[in-house]
PDB file of N, CA and C in Angstrom:
ATOM      1  N   MET A   1     -19.193  52.048  36.301  1.00  0.00           N
ATOM      2  CA  MET A   1     -19.575  50.540  36.976  1.00  0.00           C
ATOM      3  C   MET A   1     -18.232  50.460  38.423  1.00  0.00           C
ATOM      4  N   ASP A   2     -18.774  50.057  39.506  1.00  0.00           N
ATOM      5  CA  ASP A   2     -18.115  50.044  40.775  1.00  0.00           C
ATOM      6  C   ASP A   2     -17.518  48.525  40.935  1.00  0.00           C
ATOM      7  N   THR A   3     -15.975  48.761  41.575  1.00  0.00           N
ATOM      8  CA  THR A   3     -15.190  47.427  41.372  1.00  0.00           C
ATOM      9  C   THR A   3     -14.428  47.353  42.736  1.00  0.00           C
ATOM     10  N   ALA A   4     -14.565  46.999  43.114  1.00  0.00           N
ATOM     11  CA  ALA A   4     -13.023  46.846  44.694  1.00  0.00           C
ATOM     12  C   ALA A   4     -11.849  46.421  44.714  1.00  0.00           C
ATOM     13  N   HIS A   5     -11.578  46.643  43.018  1.00  0.00           N
ATOM     14  CA  HIS A   5     -10.290  47.076  42.352  1.00  0.00           C
ATOM     15  C   HIS A   5      -9.820  47.967  41.702  1.00  0.00           C
ATOM     16  N   SER A   6      -9.566  48.957  42.315  1.00  0.00           N
ATOM     17  CA  SER A   6      -9.609  49.610  40.641  1.00  0.00           C
ATOM     18  C   SER A   6      -8.648  49.525  39.134  1.00  0.00           C
ATOM     19  N   MET A   7      -7.531  48.772  39.827  1.00  0.00           N
ATOM     20  CA  MET A   7      -6.499  48.586  38.789  1.00  0.00           C
ATOM     21  C   MET A   7      -6.088  46.737  39.804  1.00  0.00           C
ATOM     22  N   ILE A   8      -5.941  45.900  38.101  1.00  0.00           N
ATOM     23  CA  ILE A   8      -5.432  44.724  38.375  1.00  0.00           C
ATOM     24  C   ILE A   8      -3.879  44.509  38.438  1.00  0.00           C
ATOM     25  N   ALA A   9      -3.507  44.197  38.995  1.00  0.00           N
ATOM     26  CA  ALA A   9      -1.750  44.268  38.255  1.00  0.00           C
ATOM     27  C   ALA A   9      -1.743  42.905  37.345  1.00  0.00           C
ATOM     28  N   SER A  10      -0.653  43.210  36.890  1.00  0.00           N
ATOM     29  CA  SER A  10      -0.122  41.989  35.406  1.00  0.00           C
ATOM     30  C   SER A  10       0.051  40.546  35.968  1.00  0.00           C
ATOM     31  N   GLU A  11       1.478  41.045  36.923  1.00  0.00           N
ATOM     32  CA  GLU A  11       1.898  39.848  37.895  1.00  0.00           C
ATOM     33  C   GLU A  11       1.043  39.264  39.086  1.00  0.00           C
ATOM     34  N   GLY A  12       0.356  37.626  38.645  1.00  0.00           N
ATOM     35  CA  GLY A  12       0.305  37.108  40.754  1.00  0.00           C
ATOM     36  C   GLY A  12      -1.631  37.928  40.958  1.00  0.00           C
ATOM     37  N   ASP A  13      -2.515  38.340  40.692  1.00  0.00           N
ATOM     38  CA  ASP A  13      -2.956  38.298  39.965  1.00  0.00           C
ATOM     39  C   ASP A  13      -4.469  37.353  39.411  1.00  0.00           C
ATOM     40  N   GLY A  14      -3.625  36.764  37.910  1.00  0.00           N
ATOM     41  CA  GLY A  14      -4.386  36.093  37.450  1.00  0.00           C
ATOM     42  C   GLY A  14      -4.772  37.006  36.115  1.00  0.00           C
ATOM     43  N   TRP A  15      -3.721  37.663  35.622  1.00  0.00           N
ATOM     44  CA  TRP A  15      -4.507  38.775  34.359  1.00  0.00           C
ATOM     45  C   TRP A  15      -2.376  38.758  33.781  1.00  0.00           C
ATOM     46  N   ASP A  16      -2.962  37.640  32.667  1.00  0.00           N
ATOM     47  CA  ASP A  16      -1.960  37.987  31.603  1.00  0.00           C
ATOM     48  C   ASP A  16      -2.091  39.387  30.284  1.00  0.00           C
ATOM     49  N   ASP A  17      -1.877  40.362  30.614  1.00  0.00           N
ATOM     50  CA  ASP A  17      -1.283  40.906  29.944  1.00  0.00           C
ATOM     51  C   ASP A  17      -0.139  40.973  28.911  1.00  0.00           C
ATOM     52  N   ALA A  18       0.077  41.791  28.429  1.00  0.00           N
ATOM     53  CA  ALA A  18       1.670  42.050  26.776  1.00  0.00           C
ATOM     54  C   ALA A  18       2.659  42.271  27.173  1.00  0.00           C
ATOM     55  N   ASP A  19       2.045  43.282  28.518  1.00  0.00           N
ATOM     56  CA  ASP A  19       3.015  43.932  29.236  1.00  0.00           C
ATOM     57  C   ASP A  19       3.026  44.047  30.544  1.00  0.00           C
ATOM     58  N   PRO A  20       3.851  42.559  30.904  1.00  0.00           N
ATOM     59  CA  PRO A  20       3.423  42.664  32.517  1.00  0.00           C
ATOM     60  C   PRO A  20       4.161  43.397  33.595  1.00  0.00           C
ATOM     61  N   THR A  21       4.857  44.605  32.825  1.00  0.00           N
ATOM     62  CA  THR A  21       4.624  45.559  33.962  1.00  0.00           C
ATOM     63  C   THR A  21       3.713  46.398  34.196  1.00  0.00           C
ATOM     64  N   GLU A  22       2.671  46.559  33.103  1.00  0.00           N
ATOM     65  CA  GLU A  22       1.305  47.726  32.840  1.00  0.00           C
ATOM     66  C   GLU A  22       1.164  47.179  34.000  1.00  0.00           C
ATOM     67  N   ALA A  23       0.209  47.663  34.343  1.00  0.00           N
ATOM     68  CA  ALA A  23      -1.518  47.332  35.383  1.00  0.00           C
ATOM     69  C   ALA A  23      -2.674  47.862  34.625  1.00  0.00           C
ATOM     70  N   LEU A  24      -3.623  46.685  34.592  1.00  0.00           N
ATOM     71  CA  LEU A  24      -4.864  47.391  32.956  1.00  0.00           C
ATOM     72  C   LEU A  24      -6.150  47.356  34.727  1.00  0.00           C
ATOM     73  N   ASP A  25      -6.478  48.629  33.854  1.00  0.00           N
ATOM     74  CA  ASP A  25      -7.861  49.184  35.213  1.00  0.00           C
ATOM     75  C   ASP A  25      -8.857  47.947  34.690  1.00  0.00           C
ATOM     76  N   VAL A  26      -9.690  47.242  35.582  1.00  0.00           N
ATOM     77  CA  VAL A  26     -10.267  47.001  35.375  1.00  0.00           C
ATOM     78  C   VAL A  26     -12.101  46.753  34.571  1.00  0.00           C
ATOM     79  N   GLU A  27     -11.973  48.523  35.449  1.00  0.00           N
ATOM     80  CA  GLU A  27     -13.178  49.361  34.387  1.00  0.00           C
ATOM     81  C   GLU A  27     -13.160  49.449  32.964  1.00  0.00           C
ATOM     82  N   GLN A  28     -12.009  48.939  32.021  1.00  0.00           N
ATOM     83  CA  GLN A  28     -11.318  49.345  31.056  1.00  0.00           C
ATOM     84  C   GLN A  28     -11.658  48.163  30.283  1.00  0.00           C
ATOM     85  N   ALA A  29     -10.931  46.776  31.073  1.00  0.00           N
ATOM     86  CA  ALA A  29     -11.344  46.084  30.789  1.00  0.00           C
ATOM     87  C   ALA A  29     -13.055  45.169  30.491  1.00  0.00           C
ATOM     88  N   TRP A  30     -13.006  45.484  31.700  1.00  0.00           N
ATOM     89  CA  TRP A  30     -14.921  45.267  31.340  1.00  0.00           C
ATOM     90  C   TRP A  30     -15.452  45.851  29.965  1.00  0.00           C
ATOM     91  N   GLN A  31     -14.876  47.636  29.484  1.00  0.00           N
ATOM     92  CA  GLN A  31     -15.171  47.599  28.631  1.00  0.00           C
ATOM     93  C   GLN A  31     -14.947  47.529  26.975  1.00  0.00           C
ATOM     94  N   GLU A  32     -13.744  46.961  26.885  1.00  0.00           N
ATOM     95  CA  GLU A  32     -13.288  46.310  25.774  1.00  0.00           C
ATOM     96  C   GLU A  32     -14.248  44.638  25.548  1.00  0.00           C
ATOM     97  N   ALA A  33     -14.169  43.979  26.438  1.00  0.00           N
ATOM     98  CA  ALA A  33     -14.832  42.804  26.814  1.00  0.00           C
ATOM     99  C   ALA A  33     -15.917  42.867  26.017  1.00  0.00           C
ATOM    100  N   TYR A  34     -16.614  41.562  25.577  1.00  0.00           N
ATOM    101  CA  TYR A  34     -17.784  40.759  24.835  1.00  0.00           C
ATOM    102  C   TYR A  34     -18.218  40.221  26.357  1.00  0.00           C
ATOM    103  N   PRO A  35     -19.430  40.675  25.626  1.00  0.00           N
ATOM    104  CA  PRO A  35     -20.636  40.193  25.811  1.00  0.00           C
ATOM    105  C   PRO A  35     -20.944  38.278  26.462  1.00  0.00           C
ATOM    106  N   ILE A  36     -20.962  37.431  27.807  1.00  0.00           N
ATOM    107  CA  ILE A  36     -21.253  36.188  26.661  1.00  0.00           C
ATOM    108  C   ILE A  36     -22.313  35.723  27.472  1.00  0.00           C
ATOM    109  N   HIS A  37     -22.360  34.237  27.491  1.00  0.00           N
ATOM    110  CA  HIS A  37     -23.157  33.314  28.058  1.00  0.00           C
ATOM    111  C   HIS A  37     -22.256  32.323  29.187  1.00  0.00           C
ATOM    112  N   TYR A  38     -22.337  32.668  30.441  1.00  0.00           N
ATOM    113  CA  TYR A  38     -21.096  32.320  31.537  1.00  0.00           C
ATOM    114  C   TYR A  38     -22.088  30.548  32.055  1.00  0.00           C
ATOM    115  N   PRO A  39     -21.754  30.279  31.367  1.00  0.00           N
ATOM    116  CA  PRO A  39     -22.921  28.802  32.366  1.00  0.00           C
ATOM    117  C   PRO A  39     -22.765  28.566  34.157  1.00  0.00           C
ATOM    118  N   SER A  40     -21.546  28.864  34.368  1.00  0.00           N
ATOM    119  CA  SER A  40     -20.853  28.826  35.641  1.00  0.00           C
ATOM    120  C   SER A  40     -21.309  30.258  36.749  1.00  0.00           C
ATOM    121  N   ALA A  41     -21.635  31.070  35.589  1.00  0.00           N
ATOM    122  CA  ALA A  41     -22.691  32.763  36.658  1.00  0.00           C
ATOM    123  C   ALA A  41     -23.593  32.732  37.499  1.00  0.00           C
ATOM    124  N   HIS A  42     -23.624  33.058  38.648  1.00  0.00           N
ATOM    125  CA  HIS A  42     -24.848  32.347  39.750  1.00  0.00           C
ATOM    126  C   HIS A  42     -25.204  34.219  40.139  1.00  0.00           C
ATOM    127  N   ARG A  43     -26.523  33.715  40.652  1.00  0.00           N
ATOM    128  CA  ARG A  43     -27.053  35.252  41.221  1.00  0.00           C
ATOM    129  C   ARG A  43     -27.297  36.184  40.682  1.00  0.00           C
ATOM    130  N   GLY A  44     -27.715  35.908  39.168  1.00  0.00           N
ATOM    131  CA  GLY A  44     -28.148  37.037  38.516  1.00  0.00           C
ATOM    132  C   GLY A  44     -26.235  37.779  38.283  1.00  0.00           C
ATOM    133  N   ALA A  45     -24.913  37.489  38.548  1.00  0.00           N
ATOM    134  CA  ALA A  45     -23.569  37.268  37.496  1.00  0.00           C
ATOM    135  C   ALA A  45     -23.641  37.341  36.126  1.00  0.00           C
ATOM    136  N   VAL A  46     -23.292  38.677  35.202  1.00  0.00           N
ATOM    137  CA  VAL A  46     -23.450  38.991  34.130  1.00  0.00           C
ATOM    138  C   VAL A  46     -21.522  38.922  33.838  1.00  0.00           C
ATOM    139  N   ALA A  47     -21.530  37.762  32.816  1.00  0.00           N
ATOM    140  CA  ALA A  47     -20.521  37.552  32.189  1.00  0.00           C
ATOM    141  C   ALA A  47     -19.860  38.249  31.024  1.00  0.00           C
ATOM    142  N   ARG A  48     -18.360  39.178  31.243  1.00  0.00           N
ATOM    143  CA  ARG A  48     -17.428  39.244  30.080  1.00  0.00           C
ATOM    144  C   ARG A  48     -16.355  38.806  30.179  1.00  0.00           C
ATOM    145  N   TYR A  49     -16.019  38.360  28.516  1.00  0.00           N
ATOM    146  CA  TYR A  49     -14.696  37.924  28.196  1.00  0.00           C
ATOM    147  C   TYR A  49     -13.638  39.136  26.673  1.00  0.00           C
ATOM    148  N   HIS A  50     -12.565  38.805  27.903  1.00  0.00           N
ATOM    149  CA  HIS A  50     -11.776  39.970  27.634  1.00  0.00           C
ATOM    150  C   HIS A  50     -11.416  39.296  26.676  1.00  0.00           C
ATOM    151  N   ARG A  51     -10.491  39.242  25.721  1.00  0.00           N
ATOM    152  CA  ARG A  51      -9.794  38.373  24.905  1.00  0.00           C
ATOM    153  C   ARG A  51      -8.302  38.752  25.154  1.00  0.00           C
ATOM    154  N   ARG A  52      -7.980  39.757  25.259  1.00  0.00           N
ATOM    155  CA  ARG A  52      -6.325  40.119  25.784  1.00  0.00           C
ATOM    156  C   ARG A  52      -6.027  39.232  26.710  1.00  0.00           C
ATOM    157  N   THR A  53      -6.687  39.579  27.442  1.00  0.00           N
ATOM    158  CA  THR A  53      -5.797  38.766  29.019  1.00  0.00           C
ATOM    159  C   THR A  53      -6.430  37.084  28.728  1.00  0.00           C
ATOM    160  N   ASP A  54      -7.416  37.395  27.518  1.00  0.00           N
ATOM    161  CA  ASP A  54      -7.831  35.681  28.158  1.00  0.00           C
ATOM    162  C   ASP A  54      -8.738  35.877  29.747  1.00  0.00           C
ATOM    163  N   THR A  55      -9.616  36.396  29.453  1.00  0.00           N
ATOM    164  CA  THR A  55     -10.300  36.584  30.953  1.00  0.00           C
ATOM    165  C   THR A  55     -11.702  36.545  31.212  1.00  0.00           C
ATOM    166  N   VAL A  56     -12.290  35.643  31.931  1.00  0.00           N
ATOM    167  CA  VAL A  56     -13.526  35.957  31.934  1.00  0.00           C
ATOM    168  C   VAL A  56     -13.848  37.296  33.698  1.00  0.00           C
ATOM    169  N   LEU A  57     -14.677  38.298  33.019  1.00  0.00           N
ATOM    170  CA  LEU A  57     -14.864  38.897  34.380  1.00  0.00           C
ATOM    171  C   LEU A  57     -16.522  38.370  34.613  1.00  0.00           C
ATOM    172  N   LEU A  58     -16.584  38.469  35.772  1.00  0.00           N
ATOM    173  CA  LEU A  58     -17.621  38.440  36.273  1.00  0.00           C
ATOM    174  C   LEU A  58     -18.666  39.933  37.152  1.00  0.00           C
ATOM    175  N   ALA A  59     -20.051  40.535  36.485  1.00  0.00           N
ATOM    176  CA  ALA A  59     -20.043  41.359  37.369  1.00  0.00           C
ATOM    177  C   ALA A  59     -21.584  40.683  37.742  1.00  0.00           C
ATOM    178  N   ARG A  60     -21.516  41.991  39.103  1.00  0.00           N
ATOM    179  CA  ARG A  60     -23.220  41.282  39.988  1.00  0.00           C
ATOM    180  C   ARG A  60     -23.369  42.559  40.482  1.00  0.00           C
ATOM    181  N   MET A  61     -25.036  43.322  39.788  1.00  0.00           N
ATOM    182  CA  MET A  61     -25.118  44.360  40.499  1.00  0.00           C
ATOM    183  C   MET A  61     -24.296  45.440  40.374  1.00  0.00           C
ATOM    184  N   GLY A  62     -23.816  46.022  39.445  1.00  0.00           N
ATOM    185  CA  GLY A  62     -23.413  46.891  38.292  1.00  0.00           C
ATOM    186  C   GLY A  62     -21.776  46.441  39.274  1.00  0.00           C
ATOM    187  N   ALA A  63     -21.045  45.770  40.104  1.00  0.00           N
ATOM    188  CA  ALA A  63     -19.798  45.477  40.520  1.00  0.00           C
ATOM    189  C   ALA A  63     -19.144  44.357  40.123  1.00  0.00           C
ATOM    190  N   ILE A  64     -18.007  44.116  39.223  1.00  0.00           N
ATOM    191  CA  ILE A  64     -17.086  42.911  39.084  1.00  0.00           C
ATOM    192  C   ILE A  64     -16.846  42.450  40.522  1.00  0.00           C
ATOM    193  N   VAL A  65     -17.194  41.330  40.116  1.00  0.00           N
ATOM    194  CA  VAL A  65     -16.575  40.455  41.227  1.00  0.00           C
ATOM    195  C   VAL A  65     -15.611  39.579  41.395  1.00  0.00           C
ATOM    196  N   THR A  66     -15.679  38.591  40.367  1.00  0.00           N
ATOM    197  CA  THR A  66     -14.562  38.160  40.042  1.00  0.00           C
ATOM    198  C   THR A  66     -13.861  38.601  38.882  1.00  0.00           C
ATOM    199  N   CYS A  67     -12.573  38.079  38.930  1.00  0.00           N
ATOM    200  CA  CYS A  67     -11.876  37.796  37.320  1.00  0.00           C
ATOM    201  C   CYS A  67     -11.654  36.049  37.190  1.00  0.00           C
ATOM    202  N   ILE A  68     -11.218  35.472  36.389  1.00  0.00           N
ATOM    203  CA  ILE A  68     -11.066  33.675  35.885  1.00  0.00           C
ATOM    204  C   ILE A  68     -10.662  33.945  34.415  1.00  0.00           C
ATOM    205  N   GLU A  69      -9.370  33.472  34.913  1.00  0.00           N
ATOM    206  CA  GLU A  69      -8.183  33.499  34.052  1.00  0.00           C
ATOM    207  C   GLU A  69      -9.113  32.259  32.920  1.00  0.00           C
ATOM    208  N   LEU A  70      -8.758  32.356  31.691  1.00  0.00           N
ATOM    209  CA  LEU A  70      -9.854  30.969  31.036  1.00  0.00           C
ATOM    210  C   LEU A  70      -8.728  29.622  30.906  1.00  0.00           C
ATOM    211  N   MET A  71      -7.273  29.953  31.017  1.00  0.00           N
ATOM    212  CA  MET A  71      -6.555  28.662  30.977  1.00  0.00           C
ATOM    213  C   MET A  71      -6.552  28.102  32.123  1.00  0.00           C
ATOM    214  N   ASP A  72      -7.660  28.393  33.060  1.00  0.00           N
ATOM    215  CA  ASP A  72      -7.166  27.542  34.391  1.00  0.00           C
ATOM    216  C   ASP A  72      -8.531  26.637  34.130  1.00  0.00           C
ATOM    217  N   ARG A  73      -9.217  26.790  33.379  1.00  0.00           N
ATOM    218  CA  ARG A  73     -10.933  25.946  32.837  1.00  0.00           C
ATOM    219  C   ARG A  73     -10.920  24.395  32.305  1.00  0.00           C
ATOM    220  N   PRO A  74     -11.852  23.854  32.200  1.00  0.00           N
ATOM    221  CA  PRO A  74     -11.445  22.832  31.516  1.00  0.00           C
ATOM    222  C   PRO A  74     -11.408  23.530  30.004  1.00  0.00           C
ATOM    223  N   TRP A  75     -10.746  22.495  28.937  1.00  0.00           N
ATOM    224  CA  TRP A  75     -10.827  22.472  27.711  1.00  0.00           C
ATOM    225  C   TRP A  75     -12.314  22.971  26.763  1.00  0.00           C
ATOM    226  N   SER A  76     -13.046  22.152  27.369  1.00  0.00           N
ATOM    227  CA  SER A  76     -14.418  22.065  26.560  1.00  0.00           C
ATOM    228  C   SER A  76     -14.714  23.594  27.114  1.00  0.00           C
ATOM    229  N   GLU A  77     -15.207  24.308  28.906  1.00  0.00           N
ATOM    230  CA  GLU A  77     -15.693  25.669  28.960  1.00  0.00           C
ATOM    231  C   GLU A  77     -14.381  26.479  28.309  1.00  0.00           C
ATOM    232  N   ARG A  78     -13.029  26.700  27.603  1.00  0.00           N
ATOM    233  CA  ARG A  78     -13.337  27.518  27.067  1.00  0.00           C
ATOM    234  C   ARG A  78     -12.593  27.305  26.050  1.00  0.00           C
ATOM    235  N   ILE A  79     -12.979  26.543  24.844  1.00  0.00           N
ATOM    236  CA  ILE A  79     -13.742  26.151  23.320  1.00  0.00           C
ATOM    237  C   ILE A  79     -14.739  26.666  23.514  1.00  0.00           C
ATOM    238  N   TYR A  80     -16.171  26.653  24.558  1.00  0.00           N
ATOM    239  CA  TYR A  80     -17.717  26.969  24.352  1.00  0.00           C
ATOM    240  C   TYR A  80     -17.282  28.914  24.813  1.00  0.00           C
ATOM    241  N   ILE A  81     -16.168  29.799  25.359  1.00  0.00           N
ATOM    242  CA  ILE A  81     -16.265  30.726  25.530  1.00  0.00           C
ATOM    243  C   ILE A  81     -15.476  31.672  24.521  1.00  0.00           C
ATOM    244  N   ARG A  82     -14.428  30.610  23.794  1.00  0.00           N
ATOM    245  CA  ARG A  82     -14.094  31.845  22.387  1.00  0.00           C
ATOM    246  C   ARG A  82     -14.780  31.030  21.435  1.00  0.00           C
ATOM    247  N   ASN A  83     -15.711  29.927  21.258  1.00  0.00           N
ATOM    248  CA  ASN A  83     -16.020  30.653  19.960  1.00  0.00           C
ATOM    249  C   ASN A  83     -17.301  30.908  20.546  1.00  0.00           C
ATOM    250  N   GLN A  84     -18.081  31.644  21.340  1.00  0.00           N
ATOM    251  CA  GLN A  84     -18.928  32.715  21.119  1.00  0.00           C
ATOM    252  C   GLN A  84     -18.280  33.618  21.401  1.00  0.00           C
ATOM    253  N   VAL A  85     -17.475  34.545  21.419  1.00  0.00           N
ATOM    254  CA  VAL A  85     -16.598  35.354  20.447  1.00  0.00           C
ATOM    255  C   VAL A  85     -15.811  35.404  19.308  1.00  0.00           C
ATOM    256  N   SER A  86     -15.567  34.132  19.184  1.00  0.00           N
ATOM    257  CA  SER A  86     -15.402  34.117  17.296  1.00  0.00           C
ATOM    258  C   SER A  86     -16.191  34.811  16.633  1.00  0.00           C
ATOM    259  N   GLU A  87     -17.787  33.877  16.976  1.00  0.00           N
ATOM    260  CA  GLU A  87     -18.787  34.307  15.479  1.00  0.00           C
ATOM    261  C   GLU A  87     -18.812  35.865  16.294  1.00  0.00           C
ATOM    262  N   GLN A  88     -18.705  36.851  17.024  1.00  0.00           N
ATOM    263  CA  GLN A  88     -18.460  38.365  16.410  1.00  0.00           C
ATOM    264  C   GLN A  88     -17.681  39.347  15.893  1.00  0.00           C
TER     265      GLN A  88
END
Protein backbone atom coordinates (compact mmCIF):
# COMPACT_ATOMS: atom_id res chain seq x y z
CA MET A 1 0.00 0.00 0.00
CA ASP A 2 1.37 3.40 -0.98
CA THR A 3 1.32 6.15 1.59
CA ALA A 4 1.86 9.85 1.40
CA HIS A 5 3.97 9.58 4.54
CA SER A 6 5.96 6.47 5.30
CA MET A 7 6.24 7.33 8.98
CA ILE A 8 3.95 9.16 11.37
CA ALA A 9 5.61 10.67 14.40
CA SER A 10 4.02 10.04 17.75
CA GLU A 11 3.99 13.64 18.89
CA GLY A 12 2.12 16.36 17.05
CA ASP A 13 0.61 14.17 14.35
CA GLY A 14 -2.31 12.65 16.22
CA TRP A 15 -0.54 9.41 16.89
CA ASP A 16 -1.08 8.40 20.52
CA ASP A 17 1.62 5.74 20.69
CA ALA A 18 2.75 4.05 23.88
CA ASP A 19 6.31 5.31 23.36
CA PRO A 20 6.32 8.93 22.15
CA THR A 21 9.97 8.71 21.09
CA GLU A 22 9.25 6.13 18.39
CA ALA A 23 7.60 6.62 15.03
CA LEU A 24 5.13 4.04 13.77
CA ASP A 25 5.12 3.05 10.13
CA VAL A 26 1.68 3.79 8.69
CA GLU A 27 1.72 0.67 6.55
CA GLN A 28 2.51 -1.43 9.62
CA ALA A 29 -0.37 0.22 11.48
CA TRP A 30 -2.68 -0.55 8.53
CA GLN A 31 -1.67 -4.22 8.63
CA GLU A 32 -2.29 -4.38 12.40
CA ALA A 33 -5.63 -2.55 12.17
CA TYR A 34 -9.07 -4.16 12.08
CA PRO A 35 -11.40 -3.56 9.10
CA ILE A 36 -14.43 -1.57 10.23
CA HIS A 37 -17.53 0.12 8.89
CA TYR A 38 -16.98 3.86 9.18
CA PRO A 39 -20.05 5.88 8.18
CA SER A 40 -18.02 9.07 7.60
CA ALA A 41 -15.86 7.40 4.92
CA HIS A 42 -16.64 8.82 1.49
CA ARG A 43 -15.87 8.12 -2.17
CA GLY A 44 -14.99 4.48 -1.74
CA ALA A 45 -12.65 4.91 1.22
CA VAL A 46 -11.91 1.81 3.28
CA ALA A 47 -11.55 2.15 7.05
CA ARG A 48 -9.54 0.26 9.65
CA TYR A 49 -9.23 0.79 13.38
CA HIS A 50 -5.76 0.62 14.94
CA ARG A 51 -6.38 -0.27 18.57
CA ARG A 52 -2.92 0.55 19.98
CA THR A 53 -3.09 4.14 18.75
CA ASP A 54 -6.90 4.44 19.02
CA THR A 55 -6.90 5.71 15.44
CA VAL A 56 -9.09 5.20 12.38
CA LEU A 57 -7.09 4.91 9.16
CA LEU A 58 -8.80 5.66 5.85
CA ALA A 59 -7.47 4.43 2.51
CA ARG A 60 -8.68 5.06 -1.01
CA MET A 61 -7.44 3.34 -4.16
CA GLY A 62 -4.62 1.61 -2.28
CA ALA A 63 -3.27 4.69 -0.50
CA ILE A 64 -3.79 5.78 3.10
CA VAL A 65 -5.38 9.21 2.88
CA THR A 66 -5.98 10.14 6.51
CA CYS A 67 -5.63 9.14 10.14
CA ILE A 68 -8.30 10.19 12.64
CA GLU A 69 -7.82 10.14 16.40
CA LEU A 70 -10.90 8.47 17.77
CA MET A 71 -10.86 10.69 20.86
CA ASP A 72 -11.57 13.65 18.56
CA ARG A 73 -14.83 12.07 17.41
CA PRO A 74 -18.22 12.15 19.16
CA TRP A 75 -18.83 9.67 21.97
CA SER A 76 -21.41 7.71 19.96
CA GLU A 77 -18.95 7.26 17.09
CA ARG A 78 -16.18 6.07 19.44
CA ILE A 79 -18.50 3.46 20.94
CA TYR A 80 -19.67 2.33 17.48
CA ILE A 81 -16.09 1.80 16.26
CA ARG A 82 -14.81 0.13 19.42
CA ASN A 83 -17.80 -2.24 19.56
CA GLN A 84 -16.93 -3.50 16.09
CA VAL A 85 -13.45 -4.59 17.15
CA SER A 86 -14.43 -5.89 20.58
CA GLU A 87 -16.59 -8.46 18.79
CA GLN A 88 -13.57 -9.80 16.86
